[in-house]
Amino acid sequence: MIDHVEARGGAYADSVTLMQVSKQVSASDGVDTALVAMATELNLELARGMGFTVPGDVSADALLVAIRADEEVALATALAVAEQGLTARPASSAATEAPPRTVASAARSGGNLALISVPGPHAFTEAMDALEAGCDVMVFSDNVPIDQEVRLKSAAAERGLLVMGPDCGTAVIGGIGLGFSHSVQPGPVGVVAASGTGCQQLLCLLDAAGVGVTAALGVGGRDLSSAVGARSTMTALDALDADPATQLIVVVSKPPADDVARAVRAHADTLDTGVQFAFLGETDLTAAAEAAIAAIGVTVPTWASWPGQLVEPRPGALRGLFCGGTLCDEAMLIASAELGVIRSNIALRPEDRIGPTERAAGHLMIDFGDDELTAGRPHPMIDQSLRLERLAAEAADPGTAVILLDVVLGHGANADPAGELAPLIEAAAVPVVASLIGTGADPQGLAAQAATLQKAGAHVFASNAQAARFACGLIQHD
């Protein structure tokens, strides 16, 4: 094996680009492992944990490229893949102009929305600079301390601005998708989402019914907690209410704090635009989409499904392996009502929590997109490697009765998630049930992804709630 480690001083790429480049390099022939990331202390420790020798004097503003290959030709190819991924940029009529070097200078050039995608420990400074420059902010970065989130959102409120995030993975603004986004049509529904994949499921179901959106404003998964107090949710509601094209607003969230939920409902009552609430624990995402569709006078469709081979219920445990935290939460809420205790790294109750890599008897669900598993590595919507390993292990466990998955399409996501999953699904000795979250215009091709999963033997549903209920129905109750 040959190790190559270099630190490129002063180089920078956003975290989504780096996630995708790391995945592309890792997938190159002859490459054992690879990491392309900013040289933060966290990423340096990750590289050392992967067995690379990293110099001790690397600056945090350097770009780290660490590759282990089986021979020189493979290493050269991998470096070329990295170079291509890092230098690829869309053509620009302003190519002769020097790009802005700071958020403030970019704002002076006419921007009014800043997308922050840097390692979590550095996101606060960049986001605050954007607010001071008069920009709304989308903080894609995760692992941002909650006290910094509160400070950012308080500063935004003082300036009449909106902070989306931290850990805001999805937004649609002015018809443009940001982060992990889908190709959706314009329409009368506005979405406020304290949930990334919850927003994605809602957008995809609306799109399947022929209903578009004015905007989808992600506010971060902690916005409706007692600590944050719905600061961004209130601002987002006001912004959508002020848009005459928005006929209905839907607020989607994991279970919110009770006091915060009451305050948000009270604020919604003061608006001219009708507001519906999709709080998990009170409803599921499919029911919320159906309520929104009916409210604007459109007929609710039958949600698409692609059935697998008919199987009989069997004894054993349900094992859920998810990329989306809200989709995992929704599935746990549904399954726990039918099956009892579900253990998870994002458990519904503290006493049911297990570590993200821990194996356990009984029903369990793992969110591979949780911060604990994405620190220093690509999100599982880009790189499924951890989930693929766990899928193989759970499929081989004699205690497993059914495996439940989400497969999330869209811009920024894995180019062929179904293709990567299919061999393991086909080899599994237990039924596999999948929710497929996407639209017909997504780059992966919704129909093609569904066909690949179905051919491998999976039972596929456009509705995550329907997938969870179907999976529960395959468990033989005592």
Protein backbone atom coordinates (compact mmCIF):
# COMPACT_ATOMS: atom_id res chain seq x y z
CA MET A 1 0.00 0.00 0.00
CA ILE A 2 1.08 3.56 -0.72
CA ASP A 3 0.02 6.51 1.44
CA HIS A 4 -0.18 10.01 0.00
CA VAL A 5 -0.80 12.94 2.37
CA GLU A 6 -0.65 16.59 1.36
CA ALA A 7 -1.90 19.85 2.81
CA ARG A 8 -2.69 22.56 0.28
CA GLY A 9 -2.29 25.86 2.05
CA GLY A 10 -4.94 28.49 1.42
CA ALA A 11 -7.10 26.16 -0.68
CA TYR A 12 -10.81 25.84 0.12
CA ALA A 13 -13.89 23.94 -1.03
CA ASP A 14 -17.28 23.76 0.64
CA SER A 15 -18.21 20.71 2.67
CA VAL A 16 -20.69 19.29 0.13
CA THR A 17 -18.04 19.40 -2.60
CA LEU A 18 -15.49 17.80 -0.28
CA MET A 19 -17.93 15.04 0.69
CA GLN A 20 -18.55 14.25 -2.97
CA VAL A 21 -14.86 14.37 -3.90
CA SER A 22 -13.95 12.06 -0.99
CA LYS A 23 -16.55 9.58 -2.18
CA GLN A 24 -15.37 9.77 -5.79
CA VAL A 25 -11.73 9.24 -4.81
CA SER A 26 -12.60 6.39 -2.42
CA ALA A 27 -14.49 4.66 -5.24
CA SER A 28 -11.49 4.79 -7.62
CA ASP A 29 -9.98 1.44 -8.57
CA GLY A 30 -7.14 0.41 -6.30
CA VAL A 31 -7.96 2.93 -3.54
CA ASP A 32 -8.24 1.47 -0.05
CA THR A 33 -9.36 4.66 1.71
CA ALA A 34 -9.33 8.41 1.17
CA LEU A 35 -10.17 11.67 2.89
CA VAL A 36 -10.40 15.06 1.17
CA ALA A 37 -11.34 17.68 3.76
CA MET A 38 -10.40 20.97 5.33
CA ALA A 39 -7.58 20.46 7.82
CA THR A 40 -9.56 21.13 10.97
CA GLU A 41 -8.40 19.37 14.12
CA LEU A 42 -11.37 17.04 13.86
CA ASN A 43 -10.46 16.04 10.30
CA LEU A 44 -6.77 15.68 11.17
CA GLU A 45 -7.73 13.31 13.98
CA LEU A 46 -9.98 11.42 11.58
CA ALA A 47 -7.09 11.08 9.11
CA ARG A 48 -4.80 9.79 11.87
CA GLY A 49 -7.51 7.35 12.91
CA MET A 50 -7.51 6.07 9.33
CA GLY A 51 -3.80 5.34 9.74
CA PHE A 52 -2.37 8.33 7.85
CA THR A 53 0.71 10.17 9.14
CA VAL A 54 -0.26 13.82 9.24
CA PRO A 55 2.30 16.57 9.94
CA GLY A 56 1.71 18.41 13.20
CA ASP A 57 2.05 21.92 11.73
CA VAL A 58 -0.82 21.83 9.21
CA SER A 59 -2.90 25.01 9.25
CA ALA A 60 -6.68 24.73 9.68
CA ASP A 61 -7.17 26.77 6.49
CA ALA A 62 -5.33 24.14 4.42
CA LEU A 63 -7.02 21.49 2.30
CA LEU A 64 -6.03 17.96 3.34
CA VAL A 65 -5.77 15.24 0.68
CA ALA A 66 -5.04 11.80 2.13
CA ILE A 67 -5.19 8.71 -0.11
CA ARG A 68 -4.13 5.09 0.45
CA ALA A 69 -3.79 3.09 -2.80
CA ASP A 70 -2.44 -0.32 -3.65
CA GLU A 71 0.07 0.92 -6.23
CA GLU A 72 1.41 4.03 -8.01
CA VAL A 73 -0.92 3.93 -11.02
CA ALA A 74 -3.98 3.73 -8.78
CA LEU A 75 -2.68 6.63 -6.69
CA ALA A 76 -2.07 8.77 -9.77
CA THR A 77 -5.59 8.07 -11.01
CA ALA A 78 -7.07 8.89 -7.60
CA LEU A 79 -5.18 12.19 -7.46
CA ALA A 80 -6.49 13.06 -10.91
CA VAL A 81 -10.05 12.31 -9.75
CA ALA A 82 -9.51 14.55 -6.71
CA GLU A 83 -8.10 17.34 -8.86
CA GLN A 84 -10.98 17.18 -11.29
CA GLY A 85 -13.55 17.24 -8.49
CA LEU A 86 -11.88 20.15 -6.72
CA THR A 87 -11.35 22.31 -9.80
CA ALA A 88 -14.67 21.69 -11.58
CA ARG A 89 -16.67 24.91 -11.59
CA PRO A 90 -19.58 26.07 -13.75
CA ALA A 91 -18.69 28.50 -16.50
CA SER A 92 -19.06 32.13 -15.52
CA SER A 93 -19.20 35.29 -17.55
CA ALA A 94 -17.23 36.89 -14.72
CA ALA A 95 -14.42 34.34 -14.93
CA THR A 96 -11.82 37.08 -15.37
CA GLU A 97 -12.81 38.74 -12.09
CA ALA A 98 -11.23 37.66 -8.82
CA PRO A 99 -13.82 35.84 -6.68
CA PRO A 100 -14.76 37.36 -3.32
CA ARG A 101 -12.52 36.18 -0.46
CA THR A 102 -14.89 36.98 2.42
CA VAL A 103 -18.61 36.89 3.12
CA ALA A 104 -18.67 40.66 3.47
CA SER A 105 -17.02 41.25 0.08
CA ALA A 106 -19.41 38.79 -1.56
CA ALA A 107 -22.38 40.65 -0.04
CA ARG A 108 -21.05 43.94 -1.42
CA SER A 109 -21.17 42.41 -4.90
CA GLY A 110 -24.96 42.19 -4.63
CA GLY A 111 -25.75 38.98 -2.80
CA ASN A 112 -28.48 38.87 -0.14
CA LEU A 113 -28.33 35.22 0.89
CA ALA A 114 -25.22 33.51 2.25
CA LEU A 115 -24.90 29.72 2.31
CA ILE A 116 -22.44 28.67 5.01
CA SER A 117 -20.92 25.24 4.48
CA VAL A 118 -17.77 25.09 6.60
CA PRO A 119 -16.87 22.81 9.54
CA GLY A 120 -19.20 23.45 12.47
CA PRO A 121 -16.63 25.10 14.78
CA HIS A 122 -16.07 27.83 12.15
CA ALA A 123 -19.66 28.37 11.01
CA PHE A 124 -20.61 30.95 13.65
CA THR A 125 -18.02 33.51 12.55
CA GLU A 126 -18.93 33.26 8.88
CA ALA A 127 -22.67 33.36 9.57
CA MET A 128 -22.33 36.40 11.82
CA ASP A 129 -20.29 38.18 9.14
CA ALA A 130 -23.12 37.49 6.69
CA LEU A 131 -25.74 38.89 9.05
CA GLU A 132 -23.66 42.00 9.65
CA ALA A 133 -23.44 42.42 5.88
CA GLY A 134 -27.25 42.35 5.69
CA CYS A 135 -27.68 38.84 4.31
CA ASP A 136 -30.11 36.13 5.23
CA VAL A 137 -28.14 33.00 6.06
CA MET A 138 -28.46 29.29 5.38
CA VAL A 139 -26.12 27.33 7.65
CA PHE A 140 -25.64 23.93 6.05
CA SER A 141 -22.93 23.09 8.61
CA ASP A 142 -23.74 20.73 11.46
CA ASN A 143 -22.05 20.30 14.84
CA VAL A 144 -22.65 23.99 15.69
CA PRO A 145 -23.08 24.54 19.47
CA ILE A 146 -26.63 25.45 20.42
CA ASP A 147 -25.58 28.62 22.27
CA GLN A 148 -24.07 29.89 19.02
CA GLU A 149 -27.30 29.06 17.20
CA VAL A 150 -29.26 31.15 19.70
CA ARG A 151 -26.83 34.07 19.33
CA LEU A 152 -27.06 33.95 15.53
CA LYS A 153 -30.84 33.85 15.51
CA SER A 154 -31.10 36.64 18.06
CA ALA A 155 -28.79 38.79 15.94
CA ALA A 156 -30.87 37.98 12.86
CA ALA A 157 -34.11 38.98 14.61
CA GLU A 158 -32.58 42.34 15.53
CA ARG A 159 -31.80 42.94 11.86
CA GLY A 160 -35.03 41.55 10.39
CA LEU A 161 -33.13 38.67 8.78
CA LEU A 162 -33.58 34.91 8.66
CA VAL A 163 -31.13 32.22 9.77
CA MET A 164 -31.87 28.83 8.25
CA GLY A 165 -30.10 26.15 10.27
CA PRO A 166 -27.60 25.22 11.58
CA ASP A 167 -27.75 21.77 10.01
CA CYS A 168 -30.20 23.07 7.40
CA GLY A 169 -29.89 20.47 4.67
CA THR A 170 -32.73 21.52 2.37
CA ALA A 171 -34.30 24.75 1.17
CA VAL A 172 -36.08 26.08 -1.92
CA ILE A 173 -35.89 29.82 -2.48
CA GLY A 174 -36.90 31.67 -5.64
CA GLY A 175 -37.38 28.33 -7.36
CA ILE A 176 -33.79 27.30 -6.63
CA GLY A 177 -33.04 24.26 -4.49
CA LEU A 178 -30.25 24.59 -1.93
CA GLY A 179 -28.43 21.78 -0.14
CA PHE A 180 -30.03 18.38 -0.65
CA SER A 181 -32.88 19.52 -2.86
CA HIS A 182 -35.39 18.14 -5.32
CA SER A 183 -36.63 19.39 -8.68
CA VAL A 184 -40.06 20.71 -7.73
CA GLN A 185 -42.55 22.94 -9.50
CA PRO A 186 -43.72 26.39 -8.32
CA GLY A 187 -47.06 26.50 -6.58
CA PRO A 188 -49.15 27.86 -3.72
CA VAL A 189 -47.72 26.06 -0.65
CA GLY A 190 -45.00 27.48 1.58
CA VAL A 191 -43.06 25.19 3.89
CA VAL A 192 -41.28 25.99 7.16
CA ALA A 193 -39.18 22.99 8.12
CA ALA A 194 -37.35 22.21 11.33
CA SER A 195 -36.46 18.98 9.59
CA GLY A 196 -34.47 18.25 6.44
CA THR A 197 -35.77 14.90 5.24
CA GLY A 198 -39.21 15.72 6.63
CA CYS A 199 -39.23 18.69 4.29
CA GLN A 200 -37.99 16.47 1.44
CA GLN A 201 -40.76 13.91 1.97
CA LEU A 202 -43.38 16.65 2.05
CA LEU A 203 -42.03 18.33 -1.09
CA CYS A 204 -41.95 15.03 -2.99
CA LEU A 205 -45.49 14.04 -2.04
CA LEU A 206 -46.78 17.50 -2.96
CA ASP A 207 -44.98 17.24 -6.29
CA ALA A 208 -46.49 13.79 -6.94
CA ALA A 209 -49.92 15.38 -6.49
CA GLY A 210 -49.07 18.16 -8.92
CA VAL A 211 -48.77 20.75 -6.15
CA GLY A 212 -45.80 23.12 -6.12
CA VAL A 213 -44.26 25.44 -3.54
CA THR A 214 -43.49 29.14 -3.23
CA ALA A 215 -40.58 28.41 -0.91
CA ALA A 216 -39.31 25.85 1.57
CA LEU A 217 -37.45 27.50 4.43
CA GLY A 218 -35.42 25.14 6.59
CA VAL A 219 -34.85 26.46 10.10
CA GLY A 220 -32.71 23.71 11.64
CA GLY A 221 -33.78 20.71 13.66
CA ARG A 222 -33.36 22.46 17.04
CA ASP A 223 -35.37 25.58 16.23
CA LEU A 224 -38.51 24.37 18.01
CA SER A 225 -36.60 23.32 21.12
CA SER A 226 -37.03 25.24 24.36
CA ALA A 227 -33.46 26.54 24.09
CA VAL A 228 -33.94 28.15 20.66
CA GLY A 229 -37.60 29.06 21.06
CA ALA A 230 -38.64 28.96 17.37
CA ARG A 231 -36.78 32.16 16.60
CA SER A 232 -36.35 31.32 12.90
CA THR A 233 -39.73 29.62 12.59
CA MET A 234 -41.49 32.87 13.57
CA THR A 235 -39.46 34.85 11.02
CA ALA A 236 -40.06 32.28 8.28
CA LEU A 237 -43.82 32.29 8.96
CA ASP A 238 -43.89 36.07 8.64
CA ALA A 239 -41.90 35.95 5.38
CA LEU A 240 -44.23 33.42 3.77
CA ASP A 241 -47.32 35.25 5.05
CA ALA A 242 -46.05 38.41 3.33
CA ASP A 243 -45.78 36.57 -0.01
CA PRO A 244 -49.10 36.95 -1.90
CA ALA A 245 -48.35 33.77 -3.91
CA THR A 246 -48.44 31.65 -0.74
CA GLN A 247 -51.96 30.35 -0.11
CA LEU A 248 -51.08 27.83 2.62
CA ILE A 249 -48.13 27.36 4.98
CA VAL A 250 -47.13 23.98 6.38
CA VAL A 251 -44.80 23.79 9.40
CA VAL A 252 -43.01 20.44 9.65
CA SER A 253 -40.93 19.35 12.62
CA LYS A 254 -39.85 16.49 14.79
CA PRO A 255 -41.76 16.57 18.11
CA PRO A 256 -41.35 20.18 19.35
CA ALA A 257 -41.15 21.40 22.93
CA ASP A 258 -44.70 21.85 24.22
CA ASP A 259 -44.28 25.49 25.22
CA VAL A 260 -42.67 26.37 21.89
CA ALA A 261 -45.40 24.58 19.93
CA ARG A 262 -48.04 26.62 21.75
CA ALA A 263 -46.20 29.86 20.98
CA VAL A 264 -45.86 28.98 17.28
CA ARG A 265 -49.56 28.10 17.02
CA ALA A 266 -50.50 31.37 18.72
CA HIS A 267 -48.31 33.32 16.29
CA ALA A 268 -49.80 31.45 13.32
CA ASP A 269 -53.26 32.53 14.44
CA THR A 270 -52.26 36.17 13.88
CA LEU A 271 -51.33 35.62 10.21
CA ASP A 272 -53.53 36.19 7.17
CA THR A 273 -52.35 32.97 5.51
CA GLY A 274 -53.65 29.65 6.78
CA VAL A 275 -51.12 27.47 8.59
CA GLN A 276 -51.13 23.71 9.02
CA PHE A 277 -48.84 21.85 11.40
CA ALA A 278 -47.02 18.61 10.67
CA PHE A 279 -45.54 17.86 14.08
CA LEU A 280 -44.41 14.26 14.28
CA GLY A 281 -46.18 12.55 17.14
CA GLU A 282 -49.40 14.37 16.22
CA THR A 283 -49.47 13.26 12.57
CA ASP A 284 -47.24 11.62 10.00
CA LEU A 285 -45.72 13.30 6.96
CA THR A 286 -47.99 11.58 4.47
CA ALA A 287 -51.13 12.60 6.35
CA ALA A 288 -49.76 16.15 6.53
CA ALA A 289 -49.18 16.22 2.77
CA GLU A 290 -52.69 14.90 2.17
CA ALA A 291 -54.18 17.59 4.43
CA ALA A 292 -52.28 20.33 2.57
CA ILE A 293 -53.29 18.98 -0.84
CA ALA A 294 -56.94 18.82 0.17
CA ALA A 295 -56.81 22.31 1.72
CA ILE A 296 -55.95 23.91 -1.62
CA GLY A 297 -58.66 21.98 -3.43
CA VAL A 298 -56.60 19.29 -5.19
CA THR A 299 -57.58 15.63 -5.18
CA VAL A 300 -55.27 13.50 -3.04
CA PRO A 301 -53.68 10.81 -5.23
CA THR A 302 -52.93 7.18 -4.45
CA TRP A 303 -49.27 7.21 -3.50
CA ALA A 304 -46.97 5.23 -5.74
CA SER A 305 -45.63 1.89 -4.59
CA TRP A 306 -43.61 -0.83 -6.28
CA PRO A 307 -44.40 -4.16 -4.59
CA GLY A 308 -41.89 -6.90 -4.04
CA GLN A 309 -42.53 -10.62 -3.84
CA LEU A 310 -45.34 -11.53 -1.44
CA VAL A 311 -44.02 -12.82 1.90
CA GLU A 312 -45.66 -14.04 5.08
CA PRO A 313 -45.11 -12.37 8.47
CA ARG A 314 -42.24 -13.91 10.40
CA PRO A 315 -40.91 -13.80 13.96
CA GLY A 316 -37.97 -11.59 14.76
CA ALA A 317 -36.97 -7.95 14.91
CA LEU A 318 -37.44 -4.91 12.71
CA ARG A 319 -34.15 -3.24 11.82
CA GLY A 320 -34.35 0.27 10.36
CA LEU A 321 -31.30 1.82 8.69
CA PHE A 322 -31.92 5.47 7.74
CA CYS A 323 -30.13 8.38 6.10
CA GLY A 324 -32.80 10.87 7.24
CA GLY A 325 -33.31 11.63 10.92
CA THR A 326 -36.92 12.74 10.55
CA LEU A 327 -37.75 9.72 8.40
CA CYS A 328 -36.20 7.56 11.13
CA ASP A 329 -38.21 9.40 13.80
CA GLU A 330 -41.44 8.95 11.85
CA ALA A 331 -40.78 5.24 11.36
CA MET A 332 -39.99 4.81 15.07
CA LEU A 333 -43.20 6.54 16.12
CA ILE A 334 -45.23 4.30 13.83
CA ALA A 335 -43.38 1.10 14.72
CA SER A 336 -43.34 1.69 18.47
CA ALA A 337 -47.13 2.00 18.46
CA GLU A 338 -47.38 -1.42 16.81
CA LEU A 339 -44.32 -3.30 18.05
CA GLY A 340 -43.31 -1.71 21.35
CA VAL A 341 -39.82 -0.50 22.27
CA ILE A 342 -37.55 0.60 19.42
CA ARG A 343 -33.91 1.12 20.37
CA SER A 344 -31.99 3.79 18.45
CA ASN A 345 -29.13 6.28 18.48
CA ILE A 346 -31.88 8.95 18.28
CA ALA A 347 -34.32 7.07 20.50
CA LEU A 348 -37.76 8.42 21.36
CA ARG A 349 -36.95 7.85 25.05
CA PRO A 350 -33.52 8.25 26.71
CA GLU A 351 -33.67 4.75 28.20
CA ASP A 352 -33.95 3.23 24.71
CA ARG A 353 -30.82 4.87 23.32
CA ILE A 354 -27.96 2.79 21.91
CA GLY A 355 -24.73 3.85 20.30
CA PRO A 356 -24.81 4.34 16.53
CA THR A 357 -22.52 1.36 15.89
CA GLU A 358 -23.97 -0.83 18.64
CA ARG A 359 -25.70 -4.07 17.80
CA ALA A 360 -28.66 -5.05 19.97
CA ALA A 361 -31.37 -7.66 20.23
CA GLY A 362 -34.94 -6.60 19.46
CA HIS A 363 -36.29 -3.83 17.27
CA LEU A 364 -33.87 -1.02 16.44
CA MET A 365 -33.43 1.89 14.05
CA ILE A 366 -30.24 3.79 13.29
CA ASP A 367 -30.00 7.32 11.88
CA PHE A 368 -26.74 7.34 9.92
CA GLY A 369 -27.14 11.07 9.33
CA ASP A 370 -26.84 11.93 13.02
CA ASP A 371 -24.06 14.38 13.90
CA GLU A 372 -22.15 11.66 15.75
CA LEU A 373 -21.70 9.74 12.49
CA THR A 374 -21.16 12.67 10.09
CA ALA A 375 -18.32 14.41 11.95
CA GLY A 376 -15.46 14.45 9.45
CA ARG A 377 -17.16 12.21 6.90
CA PRO A 378 -19.74 12.58 4.10
CA HIS A 379 -23.43 12.50 4.91
CA PRO A 380 -24.96 9.07 4.16
CA MET A 381 -27.09 10.60 1.42
CA ILE A 382 -23.77 10.98 -0.40
CA ASP A 383 -21.73 8.07 0.98
CA GLN A 384 -23.70 5.01 2.11
CA SER A 385 -20.66 2.93 3.11
CA LEU A 386 -21.46 2.77 6.84
CA ARG A 387 -25.07 1.87 6.13
CA LEU A 388 -24.10 -0.74 3.54
CA GLU A 389 -21.86 -2.45 6.09
CA ARG A 390 -24.65 -2.44 8.67
CA LEU A 391 -27.18 -3.70 6.10
CA ALA A 392 -25.00 -6.73 5.39
CA ALA A 393 -24.62 -7.39 9.12
CA GLU A 394 -28.33 -7.07 9.92
CA ALA A 395 -29.33 -9.20 6.94
CA ALA A 396 -27.06 -11.98 8.24
CA ASP A 397 -28.42 -11.76 11.81
CA PRO A 398 -30.82 -14.64 12.50
CA GLY A 399 -32.78 -12.33 14.81
CA THR A 400 -33.70 -9.98 11.95
CA ALA A 401 -37.17 -10.40 10.46
CA VAL A 402 -37.43 -7.28 8.27
CA ILE A 403 -35.10 -4.46 7.20
CA LEU A 404 -36.51 -0.96 6.64
CA LEU A 405 -34.59 1.67 4.62
CA ASP A 406 -34.99 5.15 3.23
CA VAL A 407 -33.57 6.00 -0.20
CA VAL A 408 -33.34 9.76 -0.73
CA LEU A 409 -32.81 11.20 -4.21
CA GLY A 410 -32.24 14.76 -5.36
CA HIS A 411 -29.48 17.22 -6.16
CA GLY A 412 -26.38 16.76 -4.02
CA ALA A 413 -27.29 13.17 -3.13
CA ASN A 414 -25.68 9.91 -4.24
CA ALA A 415 -25.91 9.47 -8.02
CA ASP A 416 -27.20 5.90 -7.76
CA PRO A 417 -28.20 4.91 -4.22
CA ALA A 418 -30.44 2.08 -5.42
CA GLY A 419 -27.62 0.61 -7.48
CA GLU A 420 -25.39 0.44 -4.42
CA LEU A 421 -28.11 -1.11 -2.26
CA ALA A 422 -29.41 -3.62 -4.82
CA PRO A 423 -26.74 -6.36 -4.47
CA LEU A 424 -27.17 -6.46 -0.69
CA ILE A 425 -30.97 -6.43 -0.95
CA GLU A 426 -30.84 -9.26 -3.48
CA ALA A 427 -28.55 -11.29 -1.21
CA ALA A 428 -30.60 -10.68 1.96
CA ALA A 429 -32.45 -13.66 3.36
CA VAL A 430 -35.09 -11.35 4.88
CA PRO A 431 -37.60 -8.93 3.32
CA VAL A 432 -36.37 -5.38 2.68
CA VAL A 433 -38.81 -2.46 2.66
CA ALA A 434 -37.75 0.94 1.30
CA SER A 435 -39.23 4.42 1.20
CA LEU A 436 -38.10 6.22 -1.97
CA ILE A 437 -38.02 9.99 -1.51
CA GLY A 438 -37.76 11.79 -4.83
CA THR A 439 -39.53 13.48 -7.72
CA GLY A 440 -39.83 12.52 -11.36
CA ALA A 441 -37.43 15.31 -12.35
CA ASP A 442 -34.66 14.40 -9.90
CA PRO A 443 -31.32 13.60 -11.58
CA GLN A 444 -31.18 9.96 -10.41
CA GLY A 445 -34.50 9.15 -12.12
CA LEU A 446 -37.29 8.18 -9.72
CA ALA A 447 -38.71 5.43 -11.93
CA ALA A 448 -35.28 3.92 -12.63
CA GLN A 449 -34.35 3.90 -8.93
CA ALA A 450 -37.67 2.29 -8.04
CA ALA A 451 -37.20 -0.36 -10.72
CA THR A 452 -33.69 -1.19 -9.47
CA LEU A 453 -34.89 -1.63 -5.90
CA GLN A 454 -37.94 -3.64 -6.94
CA LYS A 455 -35.88 -5.92 -9.20
CA ALA A 456 -33.53 -6.60 -6.27
CA GLY A 457 -36.55 -7.76 -4.26
CA ALA A 458 -37.41 -4.71 -2.16
CA HIS A 459 -40.94 -3.53 -1.38
CA VAL A 460 -40.82 0.17 -2.34
CA PHE A 461 -43.11 3.04 -1.27
CA ALA A 462 -43.18 6.76 -2.08
CA SER A 463 -44.57 7.29 1.44
CA ASN A 464 -42.21 6.67 4.35
CA ALA A 465 -45.19 6.20 6.68
CA GLN A 466 -46.68 3.55 4.41
CA ALA A 467 -43.32 1.80 4.18
CA ALA A 468 -43.03 1.73 7.99
CA ARG A 469 -46.54 0.31 8.43
CA PHE A 470 -45.94 -2.32 5.76
CA ALA A 471 -42.68 -3.36 7.44
CA CYS A 472 -44.44 -3.68 10.80
CA GLY A 473 -47.05 -5.89 9.14
CA LEU A 474 -44.30 -8.35 8.18
CA ILE A 475 -43.40 -8.93 11.84
CA GLN A 476 -45.14 -11.88 13.48
CA HIS A 477 -46.53 -10.66 16.79
CA ASP A 478 -46.33 -12.79 19.94
